[in-house]
């Protein structure tokens, strides 16, 4: 951290280890034992949830799997609202530090797992979870059918507009942005890690991170 050469803390080192290298070995082994014992002797329902809980080492031990996804914009808004802390931390850091680590570590780990699960159809259900009070659940075959249909049409991502210290008013006027915005410093239109895409199904709107849909595009190429 060097606030003299990097005052807004934009720069960092990208983490490539995935969730698997973030787990405590002892705790992961304990979870594996718990799951195996339950499958062998347990009764009722055992629910396991959390970041990275669908890594390869655990995936085959579940009878049913669900992946909850949110868009990048919602993730950042949750960070700024204090609803999310960095992986493995008990106390939340300053917002700028939390967001920087999320960009270089947390989001990278999530992206690696999300991509593998969607490419391999390794989950039973997918939940679009931006709105906690109105989540949308799709089984994986329906999700793939929807993505396959979406990529046959011209499409545009939902742009993201953000305020910033160097923001101005030209884009704010051009795009008719809300009056309460102080300015507009950033416009993301087609940067996969920043934007989302909305499917409108006869009035039912489902919003996906663009990089989730992009997996289907890559399979079509």
Protein backbone atom coordinates (compact mmCIF):
# COMPACT_ATOMS: atom_id res chain seq x y z
CA UNK A 1 0.00 0.00 0.00
CA UNK A 2 1.60 3.23 -1.18
CA UNK A 3 -0.76 6.20 -1.04
CA UNK A 4 1.93 8.57 -2.33
CA UNK A 5 2.32 6.94 -5.76
CA UNK A 6 -1.14 5.32 -5.76
CA UNK A 7 -3.50 7.53 -3.67
CA UNK A 8 -6.80 5.90 -4.77
CA UNK A 9 -5.30 2.40 -4.37
CA UNK A 10 -6.01 1.28 -7.94
CA UNK A 11 -3.06 -1.06 -8.35
CA UNK A 12 -2.50 -4.53 -6.97
CA UNK A 13 -1.32 -8.04 -7.79
CA UNK A 14 -3.81 -10.47 -9.33
CA UNK A 15 -4.37 -13.68 -7.35
CA UNK A 16 -4.46 -16.86 -9.47
CA UNK A 17 -4.83 -19.55 -6.80
CA UNK A 18 -8.62 -19.94 -6.79
CA UNK A 19 -10.69 -20.78 -3.72
CA UNK A 20 -8.88 -24.06 -3.14
CA UNK A 21 -5.70 -22.30 -1.98
CA UNK A 22 -7.60 -20.06 0.43
CA UNK A 23 -9.11 -22.85 2.54
CA UNK A 24 -7.59 -23.96 5.82
CA UNK A 25 -6.41 -27.52 5.15
CA UNK A 26 -7.57 -28.77 8.56
CA UNK A 27 -11.02 -27.22 8.25
CA UNK A 28 -11.43 -28.50 4.69
CA UNK A 29 -10.50 -32.02 5.80
CA UNK A 30 -13.02 -31.76 8.64
CA UNK A 31 -15.74 -30.69 6.19
CA UNK A 32 -14.88 -33.58 3.86
CA UNK A 33 -15.17 -36.03 6.75
CA UNK A 34 -18.47 -34.51 7.84
CA UNK A 35 -19.93 -34.82 4.34
CA UNK A 36 -18.76 -38.39 3.86
CA UNK A 37 -20.06 -39.45 7.26
CA UNK A 38 -23.42 -37.86 6.54
CA UNK A 39 -23.72 -39.57 3.15
CA UNK A 40 -22.93 -42.89 4.81
CA UNK A 41 -24.93 -42.68 8.02
CA UNK A 42 -26.80 -39.39 8.16
CA UNK A 43 -30.53 -38.76 8.00
CA UNK A 44 -32.48 -35.68 7.00
CA UNK A 45 -30.97 -32.82 5.02
CA UNK A 46 -27.50 -31.33 5.37
CA UNK A 47 -27.12 -27.85 3.83
CA UNK A 48 -23.63 -26.55 3.08
CA UNK A 49 -23.18 -22.99 1.85
CA UNK A 50 -20.54 -20.34 1.43
CA UNK A 51 -17.89 -18.93 -0.89
CA UNK A 52 -16.02 -21.64 -2.76
CA UNK A 53 -18.12 -24.48 -1.40
CA UNK A 54 -18.47 -25.98 -4.90
CA UNK A 55 -14.77 -26.59 -5.55
CA UNK A 56 -13.86 -29.90 -7.22
CA UNK A 57 -12.81 -31.53 -3.98
CA UNK A 58 -16.32 -31.12 -2.53
CA UNK A 59 -18.59 -31.06 -5.57
CA UNK A 60 -19.10 -34.81 -5.96
CA UNK A 61 -20.29 -35.18 -2.35
CA UNK A 62 -23.48 -33.16 -2.85
CA UNK A 63 -26.80 -34.54 -4.06
CA UNK A 64 -28.01 -31.13 -5.28
CA UNK A 65 -26.03 -27.98 -6.06
CA UNK A 66 -27.09 -24.35 -6.41
CA UNK A 67 -24.96 -21.40 -7.56
CA UNK A 68 -26.03 -17.89 -6.52
CA UNK A 69 -24.69 -15.19 -8.83
CA UNK A 70 -24.71 -11.40 -8.58
CA UNK A 71 -23.66 -8.70 -11.01
CA UNK A 72 -20.41 -6.75 -10.59
CA UNK A 73 -22.30 -3.52 -9.92
CA UNK A 74 -24.31 -5.13 -7.12
CA UNK A 75 -21.13 -6.64 -5.67
CA UNK A 76 -19.47 -3.21 -5.47
CA UNK A 77 -22.61 -1.59 -4.03
CA UNK A 78 -22.70 -4.31 -1.37
CA UNK A 79 -19.05 -3.58 -0.56
CA UNK A 80 -19.69 0.14 -0.22
CA UNK A 81 -22.74 -0.51 1.96
CA UNK A 82 -20.70 -2.66 4.34
CA UNK A 83 -22.67 -5.82 3.51
CA UNK A 84 -19.58 -7.73 2.46
CA UNK A 85 -16.06 -8.14 3.79
CA UNK A 86 -13.06 -9.71 2.11
CA UNK A 87 -12.64 -13.47 2.15
CA UNK A 88 -11.20 -14.70 5.44
CA UNK A 89 -11.44 -11.37 7.26
CA UNK A 90 -13.49 -10.91 10.41
CA UNK A 91 -13.15 -7.14 10.58
CA UNK A 92 -13.96 -4.93 7.59
CA UNK A 93 -11.21 -2.70 6.25
CA UNK A 94 -11.53 0.77 4.82
CA UNK A 95 -13.87 0.66 1.79
CA UNK A 96 -11.14 1.47 -0.74
CA UNK A 97 -8.92 -1.31 0.64
CA UNK A 98 -11.81 -3.78 0.66
CA UNK A 99 -12.73 -3.02 -2.94
CA UNK A 100 -9.12 -3.23 -4.12
CA UNK A 101 -8.63 -6.63 -2.55
CA UNK A 102 -12.00 -7.77 -3.92
CA UNK A 103 -10.91 -6.82 -7.46
CA UNK A 104 -7.54 -8.54 -7.27
CA UNK A 105 -8.36 -11.55 -5.06
CA UNK A 106 -12.00 -12.23 -4.16
CA UNK A 107 -13.50 -11.59 -7.60
CA UNK A 108 -10.70 -13.55 -9.28
CA UNK A 109 -11.35 -16.61 -7.13
CA UNK A 110 -15.09 -16.35 -7.74
CA UNK A 111 -14.61 -15.88 -11.48
CA UNK A 112 -12.47 -18.98 -11.83
CA UNK A 113 -15.02 -21.18 -10.07
CA UNK A 114 -18.05 -19.62 -11.78
CA UNK A 115 -16.49 -20.16 -15.19
CA UNK A 116 -15.73 -23.82 -14.53
CA UNK A 117 -19.15 -24.58 -13.07
CA UNK A 118 -21.00 -22.97 -15.99
CA UNK A 119 -18.76 -24.40 -18.70
CA UNK A 120 -19.06 -27.90 -17.27
CA UNK A 121 -22.75 -27.67 -16.29
CA UNK A 122 -21.66 -28.72 -12.81
CA UNK A 123 -24.60 -27.20 -10.91
CA UNK A 124 -28.24 -28.20 -10.81
CA UNK A 125 -29.68 -24.73 -10.31
CA UNK A 126 -28.58 -21.15 -10.95
CA UNK A 127 -29.95 -18.18 -8.99
CA UNK A 128 -29.79 -14.58 -10.22
CA UNK A 129 -29.36 -13.04 -6.78
CA UNK A 130 -29.02 -9.29 -7.18
CA UNK A 131 -32.32 -8.61 -5.43
CA UNK A 132 -32.37 -10.55 -2.15
CA UNK A 133 -36.15 -10.19 -1.95
CA UNK A 134 -36.83 -11.30 -5.52
CA UNK A 135 -34.27 -13.88 -6.61
CA UNK A 136 -34.77 -15.79 -9.87
CA UNK A 137 -34.02 -19.53 -9.97
CA UNK A 138 -33.37 -21.51 -13.17
CA UNK A 139 -32.35 -25.11 -13.61
CA UNK A 140 -29.09 -25.42 -15.53
CA UNK A 141 -30.67 -26.75 -18.74
CA UNK A 142 -33.12 -23.84 -18.85
CA UNK A 143 -30.27 -21.43 -18.20
CA UNK A 144 -28.27 -22.86 -21.10
CA UNK A 145 -31.29 -22.80 -23.39
CA UNK A 146 -31.87 -19.14 -22.49
CA UNK A 147 -28.22 -18.19 -23.05
CA UNK A 148 -28.16 -20.09 -26.36
CA UNK A 149 -31.21 -18.14 -27.52
CA UNK A 150 -29.85 -14.81 -26.30
CA UNK A 151 -26.63 -15.08 -28.29
CA UNK A 152 -28.51 -15.50 -31.58
CA UNK A 153 -29.69 -11.87 -31.34
CA UNK A 154 -27.80 -8.58 -31.40
CA UNK A 155 -27.26 -7.64 -27.79
CA UNK A 156 -26.08 -4.80 -25.67
CA UNK A 157 -24.96 -4.88 -22.06
CA UNK A 158 -26.54 -2.71 -19.41
CA UNK A 159 -24.00 0.11 -18.99
CA UNK A 160 -22.60 1.09 -15.60
CA UNK A 161 -22.20 4.76 -14.70
CA UNK A 162 -20.12 5.77 -11.70
CA UNK A 163 -19.25 9.05 -10.05
CA UNK A 164 -15.61 9.98 -9.57
CA UNK A 165 -13.21 12.76 -8.71
CA UNK A 166 -12.59 13.58 -12.38
CA UNK A 167 -16.21 13.18 -13.47
CA UNK A 168 -18.07 15.62 -15.67
CA UNK A 169 -21.58 16.28 -16.95
CA UNK A 170 -21.44 15.52 -20.68
CA UNK A 171 -22.31 11.83 -20.33
CA UNK A 172 -24.81 12.68 -17.61
CA UNK A 173 -26.69 14.89 -20.07
CA UNK A 174 -26.15 12.58 -23.06
CA UNK A 175 -27.49 9.47 -21.30
CA UNK A 176 -30.15 11.27 -19.23
CA UNK A 177 -28.69 10.05 -15.95
CA UNK A 178 -30.41 10.68 -12.60
CA UNK A 179 -30.18 14.22 -11.31
CA UNK A 180 -28.90 13.07 -7.92
CA UNK A 181 -25.66 11.84 -9.54
CA UNK A 182 -22.93 14.35 -8.75
CA UNK A 183 -21.14 13.68 -12.03
CA UNK A 184 -20.17 10.78 -14.28
CA UNK A 185 -16.53 9.70 -14.28
CA UNK A 186 -16.83 6.12 -15.52
CA UNK A 187 -18.91 4.54 -18.26
CA UNK A 188 -18.60 0.79 -18.76
CA UNK A 189 -20.48 -0.50 -21.80
CA UNK A 190 -18.75 -3.74 -22.78
CA UNK A 191 -16.11 -4.65 -20.22
CA UNK A 192 -17.05 -8.20 -19.15
CA UNK A 193 -15.93 -7.80 -15.55
CA UNK A 194 -18.00 -4.66 -15.03
CA UNK A 195 -21.31 -4.98 -16.86
CA UNK A 196 -24.44 -7.12 -16.94
CA UNK A 197 -27.07 -8.19 -19.45
CA UNK A 198 -30.83 -8.43 -18.96
CA UNK A 199 -33.11 -11.09 -20.44
CA UNK A 200 -36.74 -9.94 -20.78
CA UNK A 201 -39.09 -12.93 -20.82
CA UNK A 202 -42.55 -11.51 -21.46
CA UNK A 203 -42.10 -8.93 -18.73
CA UNK A 204 -40.03 -11.11 -16.40
CA UNK A 205 -36.56 -9.59 -16.31
CA UNK A 206 -33.52 -11.61 -15.24
CA UNK A 207 -30.15 -9.86 -14.96
CA UNK A 208 -26.92 -11.80 -15.39
CA UNK A 209 -23.26 -10.77 -15.15
CA UNK A 210 -22.07 -10.50 -18.73
CA UNK A 211 -19.16 -12.84 -18.05
CA UNK A 212 -21.69 -15.57 -17.16
CA UNK A 213 -23.42 -15.18 -20.53
CA UNK A 214 -20.02 -14.89 -22.20
CA UNK A 215 -19.33 -18.53 -21.30
CA UNK A 216 -22.19 -19.52 -23.58
CA UNK A 217 -20.89 -17.24 -26.33
CA UNK A 218 -17.46 -18.89 -26.13
CA UNK A 219 -19.06 -22.34 -26.43
CA UNK A 220 -20.88 -21.20 -29.59
CA UNK A 221 -17.69 -19.99 -31.28
